[in-house]
């Protein structure tokens, strides 16, 4: 779960402690974190501060480096000769599978429903 919070004030001392090397060592050891920022009474809702990261959006990020431009010309690989026409394809099996089979299935189900509703009624 990612939680994004914003504020017009800078990070508190407790939050800034998340970025220290001492805090990282405590997280790697797996022990109790000293000076934890949370006052958690229910362990299910506690925040794992070891996996937290701080992003300061008030400072502009440097732009990504501009890619170096190449010559833009591909190496010579010979002439491209496309095929004269695409190979013939038989669409009849596709038609049967996509149209005829579902239509036959619907027809059979309608006949079964009509038989049940008309011929299998009690008292008739």
PDB file of N, CA and C in Angstrom:
ATOM      1  N   UNK A   1       0.849  -1.169   0.000  1.00  0.00           N
ATOM      2  CA  UNK A   1       0.000   0.000   0.000  1.00  0.00           C
ATOM      3  C   UNK A   1       0.889   1.224   0.000  1.00  0.00           C
ATOM      4  N   UNK A   2       0.607   2.152  -0.880  1.00  0.00           N
ATOM      5  CA  UNK A   2       1.348   3.399  -0.938  1.00  0.00           C
ATOM      6  C   UNK A   2       0.439   4.510  -0.433  1.00  0.00           C
ATOM      7  N   UNK A   3       0.958   5.333   0.454  1.00  0.00           N
ATOM      8  CA  UNK A   3       0.213   6.463   0.992  1.00  0.00           C
ATOM      9  C   UNK A   3       0.989   7.723   0.653  1.00  0.00           C
ATOM     10  N   UNK A   4       0.313   8.680   0.054  1.00  0.00           N
ATOM     11  CA  UNK A   4       0.957   9.936  -0.311  1.00  0.00           C
ATOM     12  C   UNK A   4       0.324  11.038   0.528  1.00  0.00           C
ATOM     13  N   UNK A   5       1.156  11.740   1.268  1.00  0.00           N
ATOM     14  CA  UNK A   5       0.683  12.819   2.119  1.00  0.00           C
ATOM     15  C   UNK A   5       1.370  14.104   1.708  1.00  0.00           C
ATOM     16  N   UNK A   6       0.709  15.213   1.920  1.00  0.00           N
ATOM     17  CA  UNK A   6       1.305  16.496   1.595  1.00  0.00           C
ATOM     18  C   UNK A   6       1.137  17.472   2.737  1.00  0.00           C
ATOM     19  N   UNK A   7       2.053  18.418   2.828  1.00  0.00           N
ATOM     20  CA  UNK A   7       2.000  19.424   3.875  1.00  0.00           C
ATOM     21  C   UNK A   7       2.754  20.652   3.401  1.00  0.00           C
ATOM     22  N   UNK A   8       2.380  21.815   3.951  1.00  0.00           N
ATOM     23  CA  UNK A   8       3.098  23.033   3.604  1.00  0.00           C
ATOM     24  C   UNK A   8       4.293  23.256   4.520  1.00  0.00           C
ATOM     25  N   UNK A   9       4.469  22.403   5.530  1.00  0.00           N
ATOM     26  CA  UNK A   9       5.609  22.501   6.435  1.00  0.00           C
ATOM     27  C   UNK A   9       6.611  21.406   6.108  1.00  0.00           C
ATOM     28  N   UNK A  10       7.899  21.613   6.442  1.00  0.00           N
ATOM     29  CA  UNK A  10       8.898  20.571   6.182  1.00  0.00           C
ATOM     30  C   UNK A  10       8.685  19.358   7.084  1.00  0.00           C
ATOM     31  N   UNK A  11       9.421  18.299   6.803  1.00  0.00           N
ATOM     32  CA  UNK A  11       9.290  17.067   7.574  1.00  0.00           C
ATOM     33  C   UNK A  11       9.685  17.293   9.027  1.00  0.00           C
ATOM     34  N   UNK A  12       9.034  16.545   9.923  1.00  0.00           N
ATOM     35  CA  UNK A  12       9.382  16.618  11.344  1.00  0.00           C
ATOM     36  C   UNK A  12      10.709  15.902  11.583  1.00  0.00           C
ATOM     37  N   UNK A  13      11.268  16.100  12.786  1.00  0.00           N
ATOM     38  CA  UNK A  13      12.538  15.450  13.123  1.00  0.00           C
ATOM     39  C   UNK A  13      12.385  13.934  13.090  1.00  0.00           C
ATOM     40  N   UNK A  14      11.231  13.464  13.545  1.00  0.00           N
ATOM     41  CA  UNK A  14      10.986  12.018  13.560  1.00  0.00           C
ATOM     42  C   UNK A  14      10.981  11.459  12.136  1.00  0.00           C
ATOM     43  N   UNK A  15      10.348  12.189  11.211  1.00  0.00           N
ATOM     44  CA  UNK A  15      10.298  11.711   9.830  1.00  0.00           C
ATOM     45  C   UNK A  15      11.664  11.799   9.162  1.00  0.00           C
ATOM     46  N   UNK A  16      12.431  12.840   9.464  1.00  0.00           N
ATOM     47  CA  UNK A  16      13.765  12.969   8.886  1.00  0.00           C
ATOM     48  C   UNK A  16      14.697  11.867   9.371  1.00  0.00           C
ATOM     49  N   UNK A  17      14.398  11.297  10.534  1.00  0.00           N
ATOM     50  CA  UNK A  17      15.213  10.214  11.074  1.00  0.00           C
ATOM     51  C   UNK A  17      15.126   8.964  10.193  1.00  0.00           C
ATOM     52  N   UNK A  18      14.061   8.838   9.396  1.00  0.00           N
ATOM     53  CA  UNK A  18      13.893   7.668   8.525  1.00  0.00           C
ATOM     54  C   UNK A  18      15.014   7.552   7.496  1.00  0.00           C
ATOM     55  N   UNK A  19      15.647   8.657   7.163  1.00  0.00           N
ATOM     56  CA  UNK A  19      16.675   8.647   6.130  1.00  0.00           C
ATOM     57  C   UNK A  19      18.087   8.475   6.672  1.00  0.00           C
ATOM     58  N   UNK A  20      18.238   8.349   7.990  1.00  0.00           N
ATOM     59  CA  UNK A  20      19.576   8.227   8.569  1.00  0.00           C
ATOM     60  C   UNK A  20      20.093   6.801   8.431  1.00  0.00           C
ATOM     61  N   UNK A  21      21.416   6.667   8.465  1.00  0.00           N
ATOM     62  CA  UNK A  21      22.041   5.346   8.367  1.00  0.00           C
ATOM     63  C   UNK A  21      21.746   4.519   9.608  1.00  0.00           C
ATOM     64  N   UNK A  22      21.620   5.186  10.756  1.00  0.00           N
ATOM     65  CA  UNK A  22      21.319   4.467  12.000  1.00  0.00           C
ATOM     66  C   UNK A  22      19.962   3.771  11.905  1.00  0.00           C
ATOM     67  N   UNK A  23      18.982   4.478  11.367  1.00  0.00           N
ATOM     68  CA  UNK A  23      17.647   3.896  11.208  1.00  0.00           C
ATOM     69  C   UNK A  23      17.693   2.702  10.245  1.00  0.00           C
ATOM     70  N   UNK A  24      18.454   2.810   9.165  1.00  0.00           N
ATOM     71  CA  UNK A  24      18.568   1.716   8.201  1.00  0.00           C
ATOM     72  C   UNK A  24      19.198   0.487   8.848  1.00  0.00           C
ATOM     73  N   UNK A  25      20.210   0.697   9.705  1.00  0.00           N
ATOM     74  CA  UNK A  25      20.836  -0.439  10.398  1.00  0.00           C
ATOM     75  C   UNK A  25      19.847  -1.111  11.337  1.00  0.00           C
ATOM     76  N   UNK A  26      19.033  -0.316  12.042  1.00  0.00           N
ATOM     77  CA  UNK A  26      18.029  -0.887  12.944  1.00  0.00           C
ATOM     78  C   UNK A  26      17.003  -1.701  12.159  1.00  0.00           C
ATOM     79  N   UNK A  27      16.636  -1.226  10.982  1.00  0.00           N
ATOM     80  CA  UNK A  27      15.671  -1.958  10.153  1.00  0.00           C
ATOM     81  C   UNK A  27      16.264  -3.269   9.658  1.00  0.00           C
ATOM     82  N   UNK A  28      17.521  -3.252   9.249  1.00  0.00           N
ATOM     83  CA  UNK A  28      18.163  -4.470   8.745  1.00  0.00           C
ATOM     84  C   UNK A  28      18.337  -5.503   9.840  1.00  0.00           C
ATOM     85  N   UNK A  29      18.563  -5.041  11.074  1.00  0.00           N
ATOM     86  CA  UNK A  29      18.738  -5.997  12.174  1.00  0.00           C
ATOM     87  C   UNK A  29      17.407  -6.624  12.567  1.00  0.00           C
ATOM     88  N   UNK A  30      16.293  -5.955  12.271  1.00  0.00           N
ATOM     89  CA  UNK A  30      14.977  -6.519  12.543  1.00  0.00           C
ATOM     90  C   UNK A  30      14.522  -6.320  13.972  1.00  0.00           C
ATOM     91  N   UNK A  31      15.258  -5.589  14.755  1.00  0.00           N
ATOM     92  CA  UNK A  31      14.890  -5.366  16.146  1.00  0.00           C
ATOM     93  C   UNK A  31      13.895  -4.237  16.296  1.00  0.00           C
ATOM     94  N   UNK A  32      13.678  -3.829  17.534  1.00  0.00           N
ATOM     95  CA  UNK A  32      12.774  -2.724  17.840  1.00  0.00           C
ATOM     96  C   UNK A  32      13.402  -1.424  17.357  1.00  0.00           C
ATOM     97  N   UNK A  33      12.618  -0.616  16.697  1.00  0.00           N
ATOM     98  CA  UNK A  33      13.103   0.652  16.175  1.00  0.00           C
ATOM     99  C   UNK A  33      13.017   1.681  17.298  1.00  0.00           C
ATOM    100  N   UNK A  34      14.142   2.293  17.640  1.00  0.00           N
ATOM    101  CA  UNK A  34      14.139   3.305  18.693  1.00  0.00           C
ATOM    102  C   UNK A  34      13.631   4.618  18.112  1.00  0.00           C
ATOM    103  N   UNK A  35      12.857   5.340  18.911  1.00  0.00           N
ATOM    104  CA  UNK A  35      12.338   6.628  18.452  1.00  0.00           C
ATOM    105  C   UNK A  35      11.336   6.482  17.329  1.00  0.00           C
ATOM    106  N   UNK A  36      10.483   5.462  17.402  1.00  0.00           N
ATOM    107  CA  UNK A  36       9.491   5.225  16.356  1.00  0.00           C
ATOM    108  C   UNK A  36       8.512   6.394  16.294  1.00  0.00           C
ATOM    109  N   UNK A  37       8.096   6.773  15.103  1.00  0.00           N
ATOM    110  CA  UNK A  37       7.230   7.936  14.903  1.00  0.00           C
ATOM    111  C   UNK A  37       5.780   7.657  15.282  1.00  0.00           C
ATOM    112  N   UNK A  38       5.392   6.423  15.357  1.00  0.00           N
ATOM    113  CA  UNK A  38       3.983   6.112  15.575  1.00  0.00           C
ATOM    114  C   UNK A  38       3.700   5.839  17.041  1.00  0.00           C
ATOM    115  N   UNK A  39       2.503   6.158  17.429  1.00  0.00           N
ATOM    116  CA  UNK A  39       1.990   5.761  18.735  1.00  0.00           C
ATOM    117  C   UNK A  39       0.892   4.762  18.428  1.00  0.00           C
ATOM    118  N   UNK A  40       1.294   3.549  18.165  1.00  0.00           N
ATOM    119  CA  UNK A  40       0.380   2.526  17.664  1.00  0.00           C
ATOM    120  C   UNK A  40      -0.119   1.673  18.821  1.00  0.00           C
ATOM    121  N   UNK A  41      -1.437   1.589  18.969  1.00  0.00           N
ATOM    122  CA  UNK A  41      -2.006   0.738  20.010  1.00  0.00           C
ATOM    123  C   UNK A  41      -2.497  -0.580  19.431  1.00  0.00           C
ATOM    124  N   UNK A  42      -2.949  -0.578  18.195  1.00  0.00           N
ATOM    125  CA  UNK A  42      -3.429  -1.790  17.540  1.00  0.00           C
ATOM    126  C   UNK A  42      -2.350  -2.266  16.569  1.00  0.00           C
ATOM    127  N   UNK A  43      -1.730  -3.440  16.804  1.00  0.00           N
ATOM    128  CA  UNK A  43      -0.623  -3.865  15.943  1.00  0.00           C
ATOM    129  C   UNK A  43      -1.019  -4.119  14.490  1.00  0.00           C
ATOM    130  N   UNK A  44      -2.291  -4.316  14.209  1.00  0.00           N
ATOM    131  CA  UNK A  44      -2.719  -4.561  12.828  1.00  0.00           C
ATOM    132  C   UNK A  44      -2.588  -3.289  11.990  1.00  0.00           C
ATOM    133  N   UNK A  45      -2.813  -2.136  12.612  1.00  0.00           N
ATOM    134  CA  UNK A  45      -2.807  -0.867  11.883  1.00  0.00           C
ATOM    135  C   UNK A  45      -1.492  -0.118  11.977  1.00  0.00           C
ATOM    136  N   UNK A  46      -0.443  -0.746  12.478  1.00  0.00           N
ATOM    137  CA  UNK A  46       0.840  -0.064  12.648  1.00  0.00           C
ATOM    138  C   UNK A  46       1.546   0.091  11.300  1.00  0.00           C
ATOM    139  N   UNK A  47       2.309   1.157  11.177  1.00  0.00           N
ATOM    140  CA  UNK A  47       3.071   1.427   9.962  1.00  0.00           C
ATOM    141  C   UNK A  47       4.456   0.833  10.115  1.00  0.00           C
ATOM    142  N   UNK A  48       4.927   0.145   9.093  1.00  0.00           N
ATOM    143  CA  UNK A  48       6.302  -0.345   9.069  1.00  0.00           C
ATOM    144  C   UNK A  48       7.159   0.786   8.525  1.00  0.00           C
ATOM    145  N   UNK A  49       7.815   1.499   9.419  1.00  0.00           N
ATOM    146  CA  UNK A  49       8.580   2.674   9.021  1.00  0.00           C
ATOM    147  C   UNK A  49       9.840   2.300   8.264  1.00  0.00           C
ATOM    148  N   UNK A  50      10.247   1.028   8.319  1.00  0.00           N
ATOM    149  CA  UNK A  50      11.454   0.616   7.604  1.00  0.00           C
ATOM    150  C   UNK A  50      11.260   0.695   6.089  1.00  0.00           C
ATOM    151  N   UNK A  51      10.032   0.587   5.633  1.00  0.00           N
ATOM    152  CA  UNK A  51       9.766   0.588   4.199  1.00  0.00           C
ATOM    153  C   UNK A  51       9.296   1.954   3.707  1.00  0.00           C
ATOM    154  N   UNK A  52       9.461   2.976   4.541  1.00  0.00           N
ATOM    155  CA  UNK A  52       8.993   4.312   4.186  1.00  0.00           C
ATOM    156  C   UNK A  52      10.075   5.081   3.441  1.00  0.00           C
ATOM    157  N   UNK A  53       9.636   5.981   2.597  1.00  0.00           N
ATOM    158  CA  UNK A  53      10.554   6.846   1.851  1.00  0.00           C
ATOM    159  C   UNK A  53       9.978   8.250   1.846  1.00  0.00           C
ATOM    160  N   UNK A  54      10.846   9.238   1.936  1.00  0.00           N
ATOM    161  CA  UNK A  54      10.430  10.635   1.931  1.00  0.00           C
ATOM    162  C   UNK A  54      10.779  11.258   0.583  1.00  0.00           C
ATOM    163  N   UNK A  55       9.835  12.008   0.034  1.00  0.00           N
ATOM    164  CA  UNK A  55      10.051  12.715  -1.223  1.00  0.00           C
ATOM    165  C   UNK A  55       9.783  14.188  -0.978  1.00  0.00           C
ATOM    166  N   UNK A  56      10.760  15.008  -1.232  1.00  0.00           N
ATOM    167  CA  UNK A  56      10.609  16.447  -1.062  1.00  0.00           C
ATOM    168  C   UNK A  56      10.357  17.058  -2.434  1.00  0.00           C
ATOM    169  N   UNK A  57       9.096  17.409  -2.682  1.00  0.00           N
ATOM    170  CA  UNK A  57       8.723  17.945  -3.990  1.00  0.00           C
ATOM    171  C   UNK A  57       8.890  19.456  -4.071  1.00  0.00           C
ATOM    172  N   UNK A  58       9.317  20.091  -2.956  1.00  0.00           N
ATOM    173  CA  UNK A  58       9.519  21.535  -3.000  1.00  0.00           C
ATOM    174  C   UNK A  58      10.798  21.890  -3.748  1.00  0.00           C
ATOM    175  N   UNK A  59      11.747  20.955  -3.822  1.00  0.00           N
ATOM    176  CA  UNK A  59      12.987  21.183  -4.556  1.00  0.00           C
ATOM    177  C   UNK A  59      12.826  20.618  -5.965  1.00  0.00           C
ATOM    178  N   UNK A  60      13.191  21.383  -6.974  1.00  0.00           N
ATOM    179  CA  UNK A  60      13.039  20.855  -8.344  1.00  0.00           C
ATOM    180  C   UNK A  60      14.020  19.711  -8.597  1.00  0.00           C
ATOM    181  N   UNK A  61      13.557  18.730  -9.323  1.00  0.00           N
ATOM    182  CA  UNK A  61      14.418  17.605  -9.675  1.00  0.00           C
ATOM    183  C   UNK A  61      15.176  17.953 -10.949  1.00  0.00           C
ATOM    184  N   UNK A  62      16.415  17.529 -11.052  1.00  0.00           N
ATOM    185  CA  UNK A  62      17.162  17.833 -12.283  1.00  0.00           C
ATOM    186  C   UNK A  62      16.552  17.071 -13.459  1.00  0.00           C
ATOM    187  N   UNK A  63      16.540  17.689 -14.623  1.00  0.00           N
ATOM    188  CA  UNK A  63      15.953  17.006 -15.788  1.00  0.00           C
ATOM    189  C   UNK A  63      16.810  15.812 -16.203  1.00  0.00           C
ATOM    190  N   UNK A  64      16.171  14.890 -16.863  1.00  0.00           N
ATOM    191  CA  UNK A  64      16.874  13.702 -17.357  1.00  0.00           C
ATOM    192  C   UNK A  64      17.866  14.123 -18.436  1.00  0.00           C
ATOM    193  N   UNK A  65      18.966  13.401 -18.553  1.00  0.00           N
ATOM    194  CA  UNK A  65      19.940  13.782 -19.581  1.00  0.00           C
ATOM    195  C   UNK A  65      19.345  13.613 -20.981  1.00  0.00           C
ATOM    196  N   UNK A  66      19.736  14.508 -21.850  1.00  0.00           N
ATOM    197  CA  UNK A  66      19.247  14.481 -23.228  1.00  0.00           C
ATOM    198  C   UNK A  66      19.925  13.320 -23.956  1.00  0.00           C
ATOM    199  N   UNK A  67      19.153  12.496 -24.658  1.00  0.00           N
ATOM    200  CA  UNK A  67      19.774  11.376 -25.368  1.00  0.00           C
ATOM    201  C   UNK A  67      20.679  11.877 -26.491  1.00  0.00           C
ATOM    202  N   UNK A  68      21.734  11.145 -26.700  1.00  0.00           N
ATOM    203  CA  UNK A  68      22.655  11.528 -27.771  1.00  0.00           C
ATOM    204  C   UNK A  68      22.050  11.144 -29.114  1.00  0.00           C
ATOM    205  N   UNK A  69      22.143  12.056 -30.031  1.00  0.00           N
ATOM    206  CA  UNK A  69      21.557  11.821 -31.349  1.00  0.00           C
ATOM    207  C   UNK A  69      22.546  11.068 -32.224  1.00  0.00           C
ATOM    208  N   UNK A  70      22.061  10.055 -32.912  1.00  0.00           N
ATOM    209  CA  UNK A  70      22.892   9.304 -33.845  1.00  0.00           C
ATOM    210  C   UNK A  70      22.702   9.831 -35.250  1.00  0.00           C
ATOM    211  N   UNK A  71      23.179   9.083 -36.210  1.00  0.00           N
ATOM    212  CA  UNK A  71      23.050   9.523 -37.599  1.00  0.00           C
ATOM    213  C   UNK A  71      21.622   9.366 -38.096  1.00  0.00           C
ATOM    214  N   UNK A  72      20.862   8.464 -37.495  1.00  0.00           N
ATOM    215  CA  UNK A  72      19.481   8.263 -37.895  1.00  0.00           C
ATOM    216  C   UNK A  72      19.320   7.397 -39.123  1.00  0.00           C
ATOM    217  N   UNK A  73      20.403   6.851 -39.632  1.00  0.00           N
ATOM    218  CA  UNK A  73      20.353   6.017 -40.822  1.00  0.00           C
ATOM    219  C   UNK A  73      20.693   4.590 -40.415  1.00  0.00           C
ATOM    220  N   UNK A  74      19.844   3.654 -40.801  1.00  0.00           N
ATOM    221  CA  UNK A  74      20.103   2.251 -40.505  1.00  0.00           C
ATOM    222  C   UNK A  74      21.199   1.709 -41.410  1.00  0.00           C
ATOM    223  N   UNK A  75      21.835   0.666 -40.932  1.00  0.00           N
ATOM    224  CA  UNK A  75      22.869   0.020 -41.745  1.00  0.00           C
ATOM    225  C   UNK A  75      22.215  -0.620 -42.967  1.00  0.00           C
ATOM    226  N   UNK A  76      22.970  -0.670 -44.064  1.00  0.00           N
ATOM    227  CA  UNK A  76      22.434  -1.216 -45.310  1.00  0.00           C
ATOM    228  C   UNK A  76      22.193  -2.708 -45.154  1.00  0.00           C
ATOM    229  N   UNK A  77      20.959  -3.129 -45.420  1.00  0.00           N
ATOM    230  CA  UNK A  77      20.617  -4.536 -45.307  1.00  0.00           C
ATOM    231  C   UNK A  77      20.036  -5.081 -46.587  1.00  0.00           C
ATOM    232  N   UNK A  78      20.189  -4.387 -47.679  1.00  0.00           N
ATOM    233  CA  UNK A  78      19.643  -4.844 -48.949  1.00  0.00           C
ATOM    234  C   UNK A  78      18.276  -4.231 -49.193  1.00  0.00           C
ATOM    235  N   UNK A  79      17.758  -4.477 -50.369  1.00  0.00           N
ATOM    236  CA  UNK A  79      16.447  -3.965 -50.737  1.00  0.00           C
ATOM    237  C   UNK A  79      15.366  -4.767 -50.023  1.00  0.00           C
ATOM    238  N   UNK A  80      14.284  -4.091 -49.667  1.00  0.00           N
ATOM    239  CA  UNK A  80      13.134  -4.775 -49.089  1.00  0.00           C
ATOM    240  C   UNK A  80      12.173  -5.111 -50.211  1.00  0.00           C
ATOM    241  N   UNK A  81      11.857  -6.374 -50.324  1.00  0.00           N
ATOM    242  CA  UNK A  81      10.906  -6.779 -51.354  1.00  0.00           C
ATOM    243  C   UNK A  81       9.716  -7.448 -50.668  1.00  0.00           C
ATOM    244  N   UNK A  82       8.615  -6.719 -50.527  1.00  0.00           N
ATOM    245  CA  UNK A  82       7.439  -7.293 -49.882  1.00  0.00           C
ATOM    246  C   UNK A  82       6.800  -8.348 -50.775  1.00  0.00           C
ATOM    247  N   UNK A  83       5.998  -9.234 -50.210  1.00  0.00           N
ATOM    248  CA  UNK A  83       5.335 -10.249 -51.037  1.00  0.00           C
ATOM    249  C   UNK A  83       4.321  -9.594 -51.980  1.00  0.00           C
ATOM    250  N   UNK A  84       4.080 -10.250 -53.099  1.00  0.00           N
ATOM    251  CA  UNK A  84       3.161  -9.722 -54.110  1.00  0.00           C
ATOM    252  C   UNK A  84       1.760  -9.539 -53.531  1.00  0.00           C
ATOM    253  N   UNK A  85       1.241 -10.587 -52.909  1.00  0.00           N
ATOM    254  CA  UNK A  85      -0.078 -10.518 -52.282  1.00  0.00           C
ATOM    255  C   UNK A  85      -0.065 -11.469 -51.085  1.00  0.00           C
ATOM    256  N   UNK A  86      -0.898 -11.184 -50.110  1.00  0.00           N
ATOM    257  CA  UNK A  86      -0.914 -12.078 -48.947  1.00  0.00           C
ATOM    258  C   UNK A  86      -1.430 -13.459 -49.342  1.00  0.00           C
ATOM    259  N   UNK A  87      -1.017 -14.486 -48.634  1.00  0.00           N
ATOM    260  CA  UNK A  87      -1.492 -15.830 -48.977  1.00  0.00           C
ATOM    261  C   UNK A  87      -2.996 -15.952 -48.736  1.00  0.00           C
ATOM    262  N   UNK A  88      -3.638 -16.772 -49.583  1.00  0.00           N
ATOM    263  CA  UNK A  88      -5.075 -16.986 -49.442  1.00  0.00           C
ATOM    264  C   UNK A  88      -5.361 -17.689 -48.124  1.00  0.00           C
ATOM    265  N   UNK A  89      -6.500 -17.307 -47.544  1.00  0.00           N
ATOM    266  CA  UNK A  89      -6.880 -17.904 -46.265  1.00  0.00           C
ATOM    267  C   UNK A  89      -8.339 -18.309 -46.347  1.00  0.00           C
ATOM    268  N   UNK A  90      -8.656 -19.480 -45.809  1.00  0.00           N
ATOM    269  CA  UNK A  90     -10.021 -19.982 -45.804  1.00  0.00           C
ATOM    270  C   UNK A  90     -10.682 -19.566 -44.494  1.00  0.00           C
ATOM    271  N   UNK A  91     -11.701 -18.708 -44.582  1.00  0.00           N
ATOM    272  CA  UNK A  91     -12.380 -18.208 -43.397  1.00  0.00           C
ATOM    273  C   UNK A  91     -13.593 -19.040 -43.010  1.00  0.00           C
ATOM    274  N   UNK A  92     -13.924 -20.074 -43.759  1.00  0.00           N
ATOM    275  CA  UNK A  92     -15.114 -20.867 -43.457  1.00  0.00           C
ATOM    276  C   UNK A  92     -15.030 -21.568 -42.100  1.00  0.00           C
ATOM    277  N   UNK A  93     -13.910 -22.195 -41.718  1.00  0.00           N
ATOM    278  CA  UNK A  93     -13.854 -22.806 -40.375  1.00  0.00           C
ATOM    279  C   UNK A  93     -14.020 -21.767 -39.252  1.00  0.00           C
ATOM    280  N   UNK A  94     -13.465 -20.581 -39.439  1.00  0.00           N
ATOM    281  CA  UNK A  94     -13.648 -19.533 -38.435  1.00  0.00           C
ATOM    282  C   UNK A  94     -15.113 -19.117 -38.348  1.00  0.00           C
ATOM    283  N   UNK A  95     -15.785 -19.045 -39.496  1.00  0.00           N
ATOM    284  CA  UNK A  95     -17.197 -18.687 -39.528  1.00  0.00           C
ATOM    285  C   UNK A  95     -18.033 -19.727 -38.790  1.00  0.00           C
ATOM    286  N   UNK A  96     -17.733 -20.982 -39.015  1.00  0.00           N
ATOM    287  CA  UNK A  96     -18.501 -22.048 -38.356  1.00  0.00           C
ATOM    288  C   UNK A  96     -18.323 -21.978 -36.845  1.00  0.00           C
ATOM    289  N   UNK A  97     -17.094 -21.786 -36.407  1.00  0.00           N
ATOM    290  CA  UNK A  97     -16.826 -21.780 -34.964  1.00  0.00           C
ATOM    291  C   UNK A  97     -17.441 -20.554 -34.296  1.00  0.00           C
ATOM    292  N   UNK A  98     -17.399 -19.408 -34.940  1.00  0.00           N
ATOM    293  CA  UNK A  98     -17.871 -18.188 -34.283  1.00  0.00           C
ATOM    294  C   UNK A  98     -19.355 -17.896 -34.485  1.00  0.00           C
ATOM    295  N   UNK A  99     -19.965 -18.394 -35.532  1.00  0.00           N
ATOM    296  CA  UNK A  99     -21.370 -18.070 -35.803  1.00  0.00           C
ATOM    297  C   UNK A  99     -22.274 -19.292 -35.695  1.00  0.00           C
ATOM    298  N   UNK A 100     -21.986 -20.328 -36.425  1.00  0.00           N
ATOM    299  CA  UNK A 100     -22.895 -21.469 -36.533  1.00  0.00           C
ATOM    300  C   UNK A 100     -22.981 -22.254 -35.224  1.00  0.00           C
ATOM    301  N   UNK A 101     -21.852 -22.536 -34.586  1.00  0.00           N
ATOM    302  CA  UNK A 101     -21.877 -23.329 -33.345  1.00  0.00           C
ATOM    303  C   UNK A 101     -22.664 -22.612 -32.249  1.00  0.00           C
ATOM    304  N   UNK A 102     -22.425 -21.327 -31.952  1.00  0.00           N
ATOM    305  CA  UNK A 102     -23.252 -20.675 -30.929  1.00  0.00           C
ATOM    306  C   UNK A 102     -24.725 -20.589 -31.326  1.00  0.00           C
ATOM    307  N   UNK A 103     -25.007 -20.385 -32.617  1.00  0.00           N
ATOM    308  CA  UNK A 103     -26.393 -20.332 -33.065  1.00  0.00           C
ATOM    309  C   UNK A 103     -27.079 -21.677 -32.858  1.00  0.00           C
ATOM    310  N   UNK A 104     -26.403 -22.760 -33.162  1.00  0.00           N
ATOM    311  CA  UNK A 104     -26.974 -24.093 -32.942  1.00  0.00           C
ATOM    312  C   UNK A 104     -27.188 -24.348 -31.453  1.00  0.00           C
ATOM    313  N   UNK A 105     -26.259 -23.918 -30.623  1.00  0.00           N
ATOM    314  CA  UNK A 105     -26.392 -24.103 -29.180  1.00  0.00           C
ATOM    315  C   UNK A 105     -27.585 -23.315 -28.638  1.00  0.00           C
ATOM    316  N   UNK A 106     -27.778 -22.095 -29.102  1.00  0.00           N
ATOM    317  CA  UNK A 106     -28.924 -21.288 -28.672  1.00  0.00           C
ATOM    318  C   UNK A 106     -30.222 -21.928 -29.133  1.00  0.00           C
ATOM    319  N   UNK A 107     -30.259 -22.439 -30.344  1.00  0.00           N
ATOM    320  CA  UNK A 107     -31.459 -23.094 -30.859  1.00  0.00           C
ATOM    321  C   UNK A 107     -31.812 -24.327 -30.031  1.00  0.00           C
ATOM    322  N   UNK A 108     -30.824 -25.132 -29.680  1.00  0.00           N
ATOM    323  CA  UNK A 108     -31.067 -26.327 -28.854  1.00  0.00           C
ATOM    324  C   UNK A 108     -31.577 -25.922 -27.477  1.00  0.00           C
ATOM    325  N   UNK A 109     -30.978 -24.909 -26.869  1.00  0.00           N
ATOM    326  CA  UNK A 109     -31.428 -24.465 -25.547  1.00  0.00           C
ATOM    327  C   UNK A 109     -32.846 -23.899 -25.597  1.00  0.00           C
ATOM    328  N   UNK A 110     -33.190 -23.187 -26.669  1.00  0.00           N
ATOM    329  CA  UNK A 110     -34.559 -22.677 -26.814  1.00  0.00           C
ATOM    330  C   UNK A 110     -35.560 -23.817 -26.965  1.00  0.00           C
ATOM    331  N   UNK A 111     -35.207 -24.850 -27.721  1.00  0.00           N
ATOM    332  CA  UNK A 111     -36.103 -26.005 -27.868  1.00  0.00           C
ATOM    333  C   UNK A 111     -36.287 -26.728 -26.544  1.00  0.00           C
ATOM    334  N   UNK A 112     -35.216 -26.877 -25.772  1.00  0.00           N
ATOM    335  CA  UNK A 112     -35.331 -27.523 -24.450  1.00  0.00           C
ATOM    336  C   UNK A 112     -36.211 -26.682 -23.534  1.00  0.00           C
ATOM    337  N   UNK A 113     -36.037 -25.371 -23.537  1.00  0.00           N
ATOM    338  CA  UNK A 113     -36.857 -24.498 -22.703  1.00  0.00           C
ATOM    339  C   UNK A 113     -38.321 -24.548 -23.133  1.00  0.00           C
ATOM    340  N   UNK A 114     -38.587 -24.541 -24.432  1.00  0.00           N
ATOM    341  CA  UNK A 114     -39.968 -24.624 -24.917  1.00  0.00           C
ATOM    342  C   UNK A 114     -40.596 -25.951 -24.519  1.00  0.00           C
ATOM    343  N   UNK A 115     -39.860 -27.037 -24.602  1.00  0.00           N
ATOM    344  CA  UNK A 115     -40.374 -28.349 -24.197  1.00  0.00           C
ATOM    345  C   UNK A 115     -40.706 -28.350 -22.707  1.00  0.00           C
ATOM    346  N   UNK A 116     -39.808 -27.806 -21.891  1.00  0.00           N
ATOM    347  CA  UNK A 116     -40.043 -27.795 -20.441  1.00  0.00           C
ATOM    348  C   UNK A 116     -41.243 -26.924 -20.101  1.00  0.00           C
ATOM    349  N   UNK A 117     -41.374 -25.771 -20.738  1.00  0.00           N
ATOM    350  CA  UNK A 117     -42.444 -24.845 -20.373  1.00  0.00           C
ATOM    351  C   UNK A 117     -43.799 -25.244 -20.950  1.00  0.00           C
ATOM    352  N   UNK A 118     -43.814 -25.889 -22.103  1.00  0.00           N
ATOM    353  CA  UNK A 118     -45.093 -26.211 -22.732  1.00  0.00           C
ATOM    354  C   UNK A 118     -45.524 -27.656 -22.494  1.00  0.00           C
ATOM    355  N   UNK A 119     -44.635 -28.603 -22.582  1.00  0.00           N
ATOM    356  CA  UNK A 119     -45.014 -30.011 -22.555  1.00  0.00           C
ATOM    357  C   UNK A 119     -44.874 -30.649 -21.178  1.00  0.00           C
ATOM    358  N   UNK A 120     -44.125 -30.091 -20.295  1.00  0.00           N
ATOM    359  CA  UNK A 120     -43.891 -30.710 -18.993  1.00  0.00           C
ATOM    360  C   UNK A 120     -44.656 -30.011 -17.878  1.00  0.00           C
ATOM    361  N   UNK A 121     -45.683 -29.254 -18.230  1.00  0.00           N
ATOM    362  CA  UNK A 121     -46.460 -28.553 -17.207  1.00  0.00           C
ATOM    363  C   UNK A 121     -47.342 -29.529 -16.467  1.00  0.00           C
ATOM    364  N   UNK A 122     -47.532 -29.293 -15.184  1.00  0.00           N
ATOM    365  CA  UNK A 122     -48.423 -30.151 -14.402  1.00  0.00           C
ATOM    366  C   UNK A 122     -49.861 -29.723 -14.650  1.00  0.00           C
ATOM    367  N   UNK A 123     -50.742 -30.666 -14.671  1.00  0.00           N
ATOM    368  CA  UNK A 123     -52.156 -30.378 -14.862  1.00  0.00           C
ATOM    369  C   UNK A 123     -52.571 -30.256 -16.310  1.00  0.00           C
ATOM    370  N   UNK A 124     -51.689 -30.518 -17.238  1.00  0.00           N
ATOM    371  CA  UNK A 124     -52.047 -30.411 -18.646  1.00  0.00           C
ATOM    372  C   UNK A 124     -52.191 -31.790 -19.214  1.00  0.00           C
TER     373      UNK A 124
END
